[in-house]
Amino acid sequence: MALTKTVAIDKIEIVENGSLQIRTKTTIEEDGVELSSSYSRISRTPGSDVSALSARVQAVATCVWDTVTVNAYNAEVAAAATAAAAEDD
């Protein structure tokens, strides 16, 4: 009876503003038969550091996060901050 635990990125999604959602699946198997699995998710915004993530995630980020996408995301964040500040006044 051999139990194994496998953790792997099984999904990388690109949302409308260019952010990446990365889903990780953790699988517990006994003698090659899946006993259980669970999922976790992280997200990264355009231009953020993904150097600690897998080469596959880095490659997707490089393809998706061109200058136009990163600048548009930063402008969206700045506009939201300005609107929030205006509401506080």
PDB file of N, CA and C in Angstrom:
ATOM      1  N   MET A   1       0.847  -1.170   0.000  1.00  0.00           N
ATOM      2  CA  MET A   1       0.000   0.000   0.000  1.00  0.00           C
ATOM      3  C   MET A   1       0.900   1.242   0.000  1.00  0.00           C
ATOM      4  N   ALA A   2       0.920   1.926  -1.120  1.00  0.00           N
ATOM      5  CA  ALA A   2       1.739   3.138  -1.242  1.00  0.00           C
ATOM      6  C   ALA A   2       0.837   4.349  -1.446  1.00  0.00           C
ATOM      7  N   LEU A   3       0.968   5.306  -0.522  1.00  0.00           N
ATOM      8  CA  LEU A   3       0.236   6.559  -0.657  1.00  0.00           C
ATOM      9  C   LEU A   3       1.141   7.585  -1.316  1.00  0.00           C
ATOM     10  N   THR A   4       0.582   8.333  -2.249  1.00  0.00           N
ATOM     11  CA  THR A   4       1.343   9.405  -2.892  1.00  0.00           C
ATOM     12  C   THR A   4       0.497  10.677  -2.901  1.00  0.00           C
ATOM     13  N   LYS A   5       1.205  11.779  -2.796  1.00  0.00           N
ATOM     14  CA  LYS A   5       0.559  13.093  -2.865  1.00  0.00           C
ATOM     15  C   LYS A   5       1.184  13.839  -4.031  1.00  0.00           C
ATOM     16  N   THR A   6       0.336  14.325  -4.930  1.00  0.00           N
ATOM     17  CA  THR A   6       0.797  15.063  -6.093  1.00  0.00           C
ATOM     18  C   THR A   6       0.158  16.444  -6.087  1.00  0.00           C
ATOM     19  N   VAL A   7       0.985  17.463  -6.279  1.00  0.00           N
ATOM     20  CA  VAL A   7       0.496  18.835  -6.374  1.00  0.00           C
ATOM     21  C   VAL A   7       0.898  19.357  -7.745  1.00  0.00           C
ATOM     22  N   ALA A   8      -0.082  19.783  -8.535  1.00  0.00           N
ATOM     23  CA  ALA A   8       0.209  20.231  -9.899  1.00  0.00           C
ATOM     24  C   ALA A   8      -0.730  21.355 -10.311  1.00  0.00           C
ATOM     25  N   ILE A   9      -0.200  22.291 -11.084  1.00  0.00           N
ATOM     26  CA  ILE A   9      -1.038  23.330 -11.672  1.00  0.00           C
ATOM     27  C   ILE A   9      -1.834  22.668 -12.785  1.00  0.00           C
ATOM     28  N   ASP A  10      -3.151  22.721 -12.665  1.00  0.00           N
ATOM     29  CA  ASP A  10      -3.979  22.059 -13.675  1.00  0.00           C
ATOM     30  C   ASP A  10      -4.796  23.034 -14.514  1.00  0.00           C
ATOM     31  N   LYS A  11      -4.760  24.333 -14.148  1.00  0.00           N
ATOM     32  CA  LYS A  11      -5.523  25.287 -14.949  1.00  0.00           C
ATOM     33  C   LYS A  11      -4.913  26.677 -14.799  1.00  0.00           C
ATOM     34  N   ILE A  12      -4.752  27.354 -15.933  1.00  0.00           N
ATOM     35  CA  ILE A  12      -4.327  28.750 -15.948  1.00  0.00           C
ATOM     36  C   ILE A  12      -5.363  29.505 -16.762  1.00  0.00           C
ATOM     37  N   GLU A  13      -6.035  30.452 -16.108  1.00  0.00           N
ATOM     38  CA  GLU A  13      -7.075  31.222 -16.782  1.00  0.00           C
ATOM     39  C   GLU A  13      -6.638  32.676 -16.907  1.00  0.00           C
ATOM     40  N   ILE A  14      -7.051  33.300 -17.987  1.00  0.00           N
ATOM     41  CA  ILE A  14      -6.790  34.717 -18.218  1.00  0.00           C
ATOM     42  C   ILE A  14      -8.134  35.425 -18.129  1.00  0.00           C
ATOM     43  N   VAL A  15      -8.260  36.370 -17.192  1.00  0.00           N
ATOM     44  CA  VAL A  15      -9.516  37.101 -17.046  1.00  0.00           C
ATOM     45  C   VAL A  15      -9.468  38.394 -17.850  1.00  0.00           C
ATOM     46  N   GLU A  16     -10.592  39.061 -17.931  1.00  0.00           N
ATOM     47  CA  GLU A  16     -10.764  40.202 -18.832  1.00  0.00           C
ATOM     48  C   GLU A  16      -9.696  41.283 -18.688  1.00  0.00           C
ATOM     49  N   ASN A  17      -9.283  41.595 -17.461  1.00  0.00           N
ATOM     50  CA  ASN A  17      -8.297  42.669 -17.273  1.00  0.00           C
ATOM     51  C   ASN A  17      -6.855  42.191 -17.442  1.00  0.00           C
ATOM     52  N   GLY A  18      -6.668  40.944 -17.831  1.00  0.00           N
ATOM     53  CA  GLY A  18      -5.334  40.400 -18.057  1.00  0.00           C
ATOM     54  C   GLY A  18      -4.757  39.644 -16.878  1.00  0.00           C
ATOM     55  N   SER A  19      -5.470  39.633 -15.755  1.00  0.00           N
ATOM     56  CA  SER A  19      -4.988  38.885 -14.593  1.00  0.00           C
ATOM     57  C   SER A  19      -4.986  37.387 -14.897  1.00  0.00           C
ATOM     58  N   LEU A  20      -4.066  36.686 -14.237  1.00  0.00           N
ATOM     59  CA  LEU A  20      -4.006  35.236 -14.360  1.00  0.00           C
ATOM     60  C   LEU A  20      -4.577  34.613 -13.098  1.00  0.00           C
ATOM     61  N   GLN A  21      -5.383  33.591 -13.257  1.00  0.00           N
ATOM     62  CA  GLN A  21      -5.857  32.778 -12.147  1.00  0.00           C
ATOM     63  C   GLN A  21      -5.239  31.408 -12.330  1.00  0.00           C
ATOM     64  N   ILE A  22      -4.509  30.959 -11.326  1.00  0.00           N
ATOM     65  CA  ILE A  22      -3.773  29.708 -11.407  1.00  0.00           C
ATOM     66  C   ILE A  22      -4.379  28.743 -10.401  1.00  0.00           C
ATOM     67  N   ARG A  23      -4.892  27.606 -10.900  1.00  0.00           N
ATOM     68  CA  ARG A  23      -5.493  26.606 -10.023  1.00  0.00           C
ATOM     69  C   ARG A  23      -4.528  25.444  -9.840  1.00  0.00           C
ATOM     70  N   THR A  24      -4.384  25.038  -8.589  1.00  0.00           N
ATOM     71  CA  THR A  24      -3.525  23.912  -8.251  1.00  0.00           C
ATOM     72  C   THR A  24      -4.387  22.777  -7.716  1.00  0.00           C
ATOM     73  N   LYS A  25      -4.120  21.575  -8.202  1.00  0.00           N
ATOM     74  CA  LYS A  25      -4.842  20.394  -7.737  1.00  0.00           C
ATOM     75  C   LYS A  25      -3.902  19.548  -6.891  1.00  0.00           C
ATOM     76  N   THR A  26      -4.354  19.182  -5.701  1.00  0.00           N
ATOM     77  CA  THR A  26      -3.618  18.274  -4.831  1.00  0.00           C
ATOM     78  C   THR A  26      -4.362  16.952  -4.835  1.00  0.00           C
ATOM     79  N   THR A  27      -3.651  15.887  -5.206  1.00  0.00           N
ATOM     80  CA  THR A  27      -4.261  14.570  -5.328  1.00  0.00           C
ATOM     81  C   THR A  27      -3.572  13.596  -4.371  1.00  0.00           C
ATOM     82  N   ILE A  28      -4.375  12.820  -3.660  1.00  0.00           N
ATOM     83  CA  ILE A  28      -3.877  11.737  -2.815  1.00  0.00           C
ATOM     84  C   ILE A  28      -4.278  10.431  -3.485  1.00  0.00           C
ATOM     85  N   GLU A  29      -3.279   9.580  -3.737  1.00  0.00           N
ATOM     86  CA  GLU A  29      -3.533   8.295  -4.389  1.00  0.00           C
ATOM     87  C   GLU A  29      -2.985   7.148  -3.547  1.00  0.00           C
ATOM     88  N   GLU A  30      -3.666   6.026  -3.644  1.00  0.00           N
ATOM     89  CA  GLU A  30      -3.186   4.786  -3.035  1.00  0.00           C
ATOM     90  C   GLU A  30      -3.042   3.757  -4.144  1.00  0.00           C
ATOM     91  N   ASP A  31      -1.821   3.329  -4.360  1.00  0.00           N
ATOM     92  CA  ASP A  31      -1.518   2.354  -5.413  1.00  0.00           C
ATOM     93  C   ASP A  31      -2.102   2.771  -6.762  1.00  0.00           C
ATOM     94  N   GLY A  32      -1.981   4.049  -7.074  1.00  0.00           N
ATOM     95  CA  GLY A  32      -2.420   4.561  -8.367  1.00  0.00           C
ATOM     96  C   GLY A  32      -3.903   4.886  -8.463  1.00  0.00           C
ATOM     97  N   VAL A  33      -4.654   4.682  -7.392  1.00  0.00           N
ATOM     98  CA  VAL A  33      -6.085   4.966  -7.384  1.00  0.00           C
ATOM     99  C   VAL A  33      -6.312   6.242  -6.575  1.00  0.00           C
ATOM    100  N   GLU A  34      -6.982   7.213  -7.193  1.00  0.00           N
ATOM    101  CA  GLU A  34      -7.230   8.489  -6.531  1.00  0.00           C
ATOM    102  C   GLU A  34      -8.203   8.313  -5.379  1.00  0.00           C
ATOM    103  N   LEU A  35      -7.750   8.719  -4.188  1.00  0.00           N
ATOM    104  CA  LEU A  35      -8.602   8.666  -3.004  1.00  0.00           C
ATOM    105  C   LEU A  35      -9.302   9.994  -2.764  1.00  0.00           C
ATOM    106  N   SER A  36      -8.572  11.082  -2.994  1.00  0.00           N
ATOM    107  CA  SER A  36      -9.158  12.401  -2.791  1.00  0.00           C
ATOM    108  C   SER A  36      -8.376  13.429  -3.575  1.00  0.00           C
ATOM    109  N   SER A  37      -9.022  14.564  -3.759  1.00  0.00           N
ATOM    110  CA  SER A  37      -8.345  15.689  -4.401  1.00  0.00           C
ATOM    111  C   SER A  37      -8.959  16.974  -3.867  1.00  0.00           C
ATOM    112  N   SER A  38      -8.161  18.025  -3.931  1.00  0.00           N
ATOM    113  CA  SER A  38      -8.642  19.344  -3.527  1.00  0.00           C
ATOM    114  C   SER A  38      -7.978  20.383  -4.416  1.00  0.00           C
ATOM    115  N   TYR A  39      -8.568  21.559  -4.445  1.00  0.00           N
ATOM    116  CA  TYR A  39      -8.086  22.621  -5.316  1.00  0.00           C
ATOM    117  C   TYR A  39      -7.791  23.870  -4.501  1.00  0.00           C
ATOM    118  N   SER A  40      -6.823  24.630  -4.969  1.00  0.00           N
ATOM    119  CA  SER A  40      -6.563  25.960  -4.429  1.00  0.00           C
ATOM    120  C   SER A  40      -6.286  26.864  -5.619  1.00  0.00           C
ATOM    121  N   ARG A  41      -6.436  28.152  -5.401  1.00  0.00           N
ATOM    122  CA  ARG A  41      -6.295  29.101  -6.503  1.00  0.00           C
ATOM    123  C   ARG A  41      -5.545  30.327  -6.015  1.00  0.00           C
ATOM    124  N   ILE A  42      -4.658  30.820  -6.871  1.00  0.00           N
ATOM    125  CA  ILE A  42      -4.003  32.105  -6.647  1.00  0.00           C
ATOM    126  C   ILE A  42      -4.221  32.950  -7.886  1.00  0.00           C
ATOM    127  N   SER A  43      -4.047  34.237  -7.745  1.00  0.00           N
ATOM    128  CA  SER A  43      -4.145  35.103  -8.921  1.00  0.00           C
ATOM    129  C   SER A  43      -2.969  36.055  -8.927  1.00  0.00           C
ATOM    130  N   ARG A  44      -2.618  36.487 -10.109  1.00  0.00           N
ATOM    131  CA  ARG A  44      -1.546  37.455 -10.303  1.00  0.00           C
ATOM    132  C   ARG A  44      -2.036  38.499 -11.295  1.00  0.00           C
ATOM    133  N   THR A  45      -1.766  39.771 -10.969  1.00  0.00           N
ATOM    134  CA  THR A  45      -2.203  40.870 -11.819  1.00  0.00           C
ATOM    135  C   THR A  45      -1.139  41.195 -12.862  1.00  0.00           C
ATOM    136  N   PRO A  46      -1.533  41.831 -13.965  1.00  0.00           N
ATOM    137  CA  PRO A  46      -0.578  42.146 -15.028  1.00  0.00           C
ATOM    138  C   PRO A  46       0.648  42.897 -14.522  1.00  0.00           C
ATOM    139  N   GLY A  47       1.806  42.382 -14.874  1.00  0.00           N
ATOM    140  CA  GLY A  47       3.067  43.008 -14.507  1.00  0.00           C
ATOM    141  C   GLY A  47       3.626  42.549 -13.181  1.00  0.00           C
ATOM    142  N   SER A  48       2.880  41.720 -12.448  1.00  0.00           N
ATOM    143  CA  SER A  48       3.391  41.279 -11.147  1.00  0.00           C
ATOM    144  C   SER A  48       4.473  40.214 -11.333  1.00  0.00           C
ATOM    145  N   ASP A  49       5.216  39.961 -10.255  1.00  0.00           N
ATOM    146  CA  ASP A  49       6.329  39.023 -10.281  1.00  0.00           C
ATOM    147  C   ASP A  49       5.807  37.586 -10.261  1.00  0.00           C
ATOM    148  N   VAL A  50       6.123  36.815 -11.280  1.00  0.00           N
ATOM    149  CA  VAL A  50       5.731  35.409 -11.332  1.00  0.00           C
ATOM    150  C   VAL A  50       6.961  34.497 -11.371  1.00  0.00           C
ATOM    151  N   SER A  51       8.118  35.043 -11.019  1.00  0.00           N
ATOM    152  CA  SER A  51       9.362  34.275 -11.125  1.00  0.00           C
ATOM    153  C   SER A  51       9.409  33.051 -10.217  1.00  0.00           C
ATOM    154  N   ALA A  52       8.626  33.046  -9.140  1.00  0.00           N
ATOM    155  CA  ALA A  52       8.607  31.892  -8.235  1.00  0.00           C
ATOM    156  C   ALA A  52       7.632  30.808  -8.701  1.00  0.00           C
ATOM    157  N   LEU A  53       6.864  31.090  -9.740  1.00  0.00           N
ATOM    158  CA  LEU A  53       5.885  30.126 -10.243  1.00  0.00           C
ATOM    159  C   LEU A  53       6.500  29.284 -11.357  1.00  0.00           C
ATOM    160  N   SER A  54       5.759  28.306 -11.823  1.00  0.00           N
ATOM    161  CA  SER A  54       6.275  27.369 -12.828  1.00  0.00           C
ATOM    162  C   SER A  54       6.625  28.063 -14.140  1.00  0.00           C
ATOM    163  N   ALA A  55       7.454  27.403 -14.918  1.00  0.00           N
ATOM    164  CA  ALA A  55       7.858  27.930 -16.227  1.00  0.00           C
ATOM    165  C   ALA A  55       6.647  28.117 -17.132  1.00  0.00           C
ATOM    166  N   ARG A  56       5.664  27.261 -16.996  1.00  0.00           N
ATOM    167  CA  ARG A  56       4.453  27.363 -17.809  1.00  0.00           C
ATOM    168  C   ARG A  56       3.674  28.634 -17.479  1.00  0.00           C
ATOM    169  N   VAL A  57       3.540  28.945 -16.191  1.00  0.00           N
ATOM    170  CA  VAL A  57       2.854  30.170 -15.786  1.00  0.00           C
ATOM    171  C   VAL A  57       3.646  31.379 -16.275  1.00  0.00           C
ATOM    172  N   GLN A  58       4.959  31.333 -16.146  1.00  0.00           N
ATOM    173  CA  GLN A  58       5.797  32.434 -16.613  1.00  0.00           C
ATOM    174  C   GLN A  58       5.642  32.652 -18.110  1.00  0.00           C
ATOM    175  N   ALA A  59       5.557  31.565 -18.870  1.00  0.00           N
ATOM    176  CA  ALA A  59       5.399  31.679 -20.319  1.00  0.00           C
ATOM    177  C   ALA A  59       4.057  32.314 -20.682  1.00  0.00           C
ATOM    178  N   VAL A  60       2.999  31.922 -19.987  1.00  0.00           N
ATOM    179  CA  VAL A  60       1.680  32.509 -20.247  1.00  0.00           C
ATOM    180  C   VAL A  60       1.703  33.998 -19.904  1.00  0.00           C
ATOM    181  N   ALA A  61       2.287  34.336 -18.767  1.00  0.00           N
ATOM    182  CA  ALA A  61       2.367  35.744 -18.364  1.00  0.00           C
ATOM    183  C   ALA A  61       3.135  36.558 -19.399  1.00  0.00           C
ATOM    184  N   THR A  62       4.220  36.026 -19.896  1.00  0.00           N
ATOM    185  CA  THR A  62       5.012  36.728 -20.902  1.00  0.00           C
ATOM    186  C   THR A  62       4.194  36.978 -22.172  1.00  0.00           C
ATOM    187  N   CYS A  63       3.391  35.997 -22.552  1.00  0.00           N
ATOM    188  CA  CYS A  63       2.569  36.152 -23.762  1.00  0.00           C
ATOM    189  C   CYS A  63       1.429  37.142 -23.563  1.00  0.00           C
ATOM    190  N   VAL A  64       0.814  37.102 -22.410  1.00  0.00           N
ATOM    191  CA  VAL A  64      -0.391  37.890 -22.168  1.00  0.00           C
ATOM    192  C   VAL A  64      -0.079  39.318 -21.730  1.00  0.00           C
ATOM    193  N   TRP A  65       0.950  39.485 -20.929  1.00  0.00           N
ATOM    194  CA  TRP A  65       1.231  40.783 -20.323  1.00  0.00           C
ATOM    195  C   TRP A  65       2.136  41.643 -21.184  1.00  0.00           C
ATOM    196  N   ASP A  66       1.641  42.052 -22.322  1.00  0.00           N
ATOM    197  CA  ASP A  66       2.386  43.010 -23.145  1.00  0.00           C
ATOM    198  C   ASP A  66       2.245  44.400 -22.530  1.00  0.00           C
ATOM    199  N   THR A  67       2.946  45.363 -23.077  1.00  0.00           N
ATOM    200  CA  THR A  67       2.955  46.727 -22.526  1.00  0.00           C
ATOM    201  C   THR A  67       1.549  47.323 -22.491  1.00  0.00           C
ATOM    202  N   VAL A  68       0.773  47.085 -23.530  1.00  0.00           N
ATOM    203  CA  VAL A  68      -0.583  47.636 -23.597  1.00  0.00           C
ATOM    204  C   VAL A  68      -1.435  47.092 -22.451  1.00  0.00           C
ATOM    205  N   THR A  69      -1.367  45.791 -22.204  1.00  0.00           N
ATOM    206  CA  THR A  69      -2.170  45.168 -21.146  1.00  0.00           C
ATOM    207  C   THR A  69      -1.763  45.671 -19.766  1.00  0.00           C
ATOM    208  N   VAL A  70      -0.462  45.726 -19.510  1.00  0.00           N
ATOM    209  CA  VAL A  70       0.031  46.190 -18.210  1.00  0.00           C
ATOM    210  C   VAL A  70      -0.346  47.656 -17.987  1.00  0.00           C
ATOM    211  N   ASN A  71      -0.165  48.495 -19.010  1.00  0.00           N
ATOM    212  CA  ASN A  71      -0.520  49.915 -18.876  1.00  0.00           C
ATOM    213  C   ASN A  71      -2.018  50.104 -18.657  1.00  0.00           C
ATOM    214  N   ALA A  72      -2.829  49.336 -19.353  1.00  0.00           N
ATOM    215  CA  ALA A  72      -4.283  49.433 -19.186  1.00  0.00           C
ATOM    216  C   ALA A  72      -4.687  49.008 -17.775  1.00  0.00           C
ATOM    217  N   TYR A  73      -4.070  47.948 -17.267  1.00  0.00           N
ATOM    218  CA  TYR A  73      -4.381  47.502 -15.911  1.00  0.00           C
ATOM    219  C   TYR A  73      -3.975  48.571 -14.891  1.00  0.00           C
ATOM    220  N   ASN A  74      -2.779  49.115 -15.036  1.00  0.00           N
ATOM    221  CA  ASN A  74      -2.309  50.154 -14.109  1.00  0.00           C
ATOM    222  C   ASN A  74      -3.199  51.394 -14.155  1.00  0.00           C
ATOM    223  N   ALA A  75      -3.677  51.763 -15.343  1.00  0.00           N
ATOM    224  CA  ALA A  75      -4.583  52.906 -15.478  1.00  0.00           C
ATOM    225  C   ALA A  75      -5.912  52.613 -14.793  1.00  0.00           C
ATOM    226  N   GLU A  76      -6.387  51.389 -14.917  1.00  0.00           N
ATOM    227  CA  GLU A  76      -7.641  50.984 -14.268  1.00  0.00           C
ATOM    228  C   GLU A  76      -7.505  51.060 -12.739  1.00  0.00           C
ATOM    229  N   VAL A  77      -6.389  50.604 -12.217  1.00  0.00           N
ATOM    230  CA  VAL A  77      -6.147  50.654 -10.768  1.00  0.00           C
ATOM    231  C   VAL A  77      -6.051  52.109 -10.294  1.00  0.00           C
ATOM    232  N   ALA A  78      -5.344  52.931 -11.051  1.00  0.00           N
ATOM    233  CA  ALA A  78      -5.196  54.346 -10.687  1.00  0.00           C
ATOM    234  C   ALA A  78      -6.555  55.053 -10.703  1.00  0.00           C
ATOM    235  N   ALA A  79      -7.369  54.775 -11.706  1.00  0.00           N
ATOM    236  CA  ALA A  79      -8.693  55.394 -11.793  1.00  0.00           C
ATOM    237  C   ALA A  79      -9.569  54.972 -10.620  1.00  0.00           C
ATOM    238  N   ALA A  80      -9.486  53.717 -10.232  1.00  0.00           N
ATOM    239  CA  ALA A  80     -10.270  53.228  -9.093  1.00  0.00           C
ATOM    240  C   ALA A  80      -9.807  53.893  -7.804  1.00  0.00           C
ATOM    241  N   ALA A  81      -8.498  54.082  -7.650  1.00  0.00           N
ATOM    242  CA  ALA A  81      -7.957  54.741  -6.448  1.00  0.00           C
ATOM    243  C   ALA A  81      -8.401  56.204  -6.400  1.00  0.00           C
ATOM    244  N   THR A  82      -8.399  56.867  -7.548  1.00  0.00           N
ATOM    245  CA  THR A  82      -8.838  58.256  -7.616  1.00  0.00           C
ATOM    246  C   THR A  82     -10.323  58.380  -7.267  1.00  0.00           C
ATOM    247  N   ALA A  83     -11.123  57.475  -7.790  1.00  0.00           N
ATOM    248  CA  ALA A  83     -12.558  57.488  -7.497  1.00  0.00           C
ATOM    249  C   ALA A  83     -12.815  57.213  -6.017  1.00  0.00           C
ATOM    250  N   ALA A  84     -12.055  56.295  -5.433  1.00  0.00           N
ATOM    251  CA  ALA A  84     -12.227  55.985  -3.998  1.00  0.00           C
ATOM    252  C   ALA A  84     -11.838  57.178  -3.144  1.00  0.00           C
ATOM    253  N   ALA A  85     -10.768  57.869  -3.530  1.00  0.00           N
ATOM    254  CA  ALA A  85     -10.325  59.053  -2.785  1.00  0.00           C
ATOM    255  C   ALA A  85     -11.361  60.172  -2.865  1.00  0.00           C
ATOM    256  N   ALA A  86     -11.975  60.311  -4.050  1.00  0.00           N
ATOM    257  CA  ALA A  86     -13.004  61.333  -4.235  1.00  0.00           C
ATOM    258  C   ALA A  86     -14.236  61.060  -3.369  1.00  0.00           C
ATOM    259  N   GLU A  87     -14.550  59.788  -3.199  1.00  0.00           N
ATOM    260  CA  GLU A  87     -15.700  59.417  -2.356  1.00  0.00           C
ATOM    261  C   GLU A  87     -15.448  59.713  -0.895  1.00  0.00           C
ATOM    262  N   ASP A  88     -14.179  59.651  -0.478  1.00  0.00           N
ATOM    263  CA  ASP A  88     -13.823  59.907   0.917  1.00  0.00           C
ATOM    264  C   ASP A  88     -13.910  61.390   1.264  1.00  0.00           C
ATOM    265  N   ASP A  89     -13.837  62.240   0.268  1.00  0.00           N
ATOM    266  CA  ASP A  89     -13.874  63.699   0.521  1.00  0.00           C
ATOM    267  C   ASP A  89     -15.262  64.210   0.771  1.00  0.00           C
TER     268      ASP A  89
END
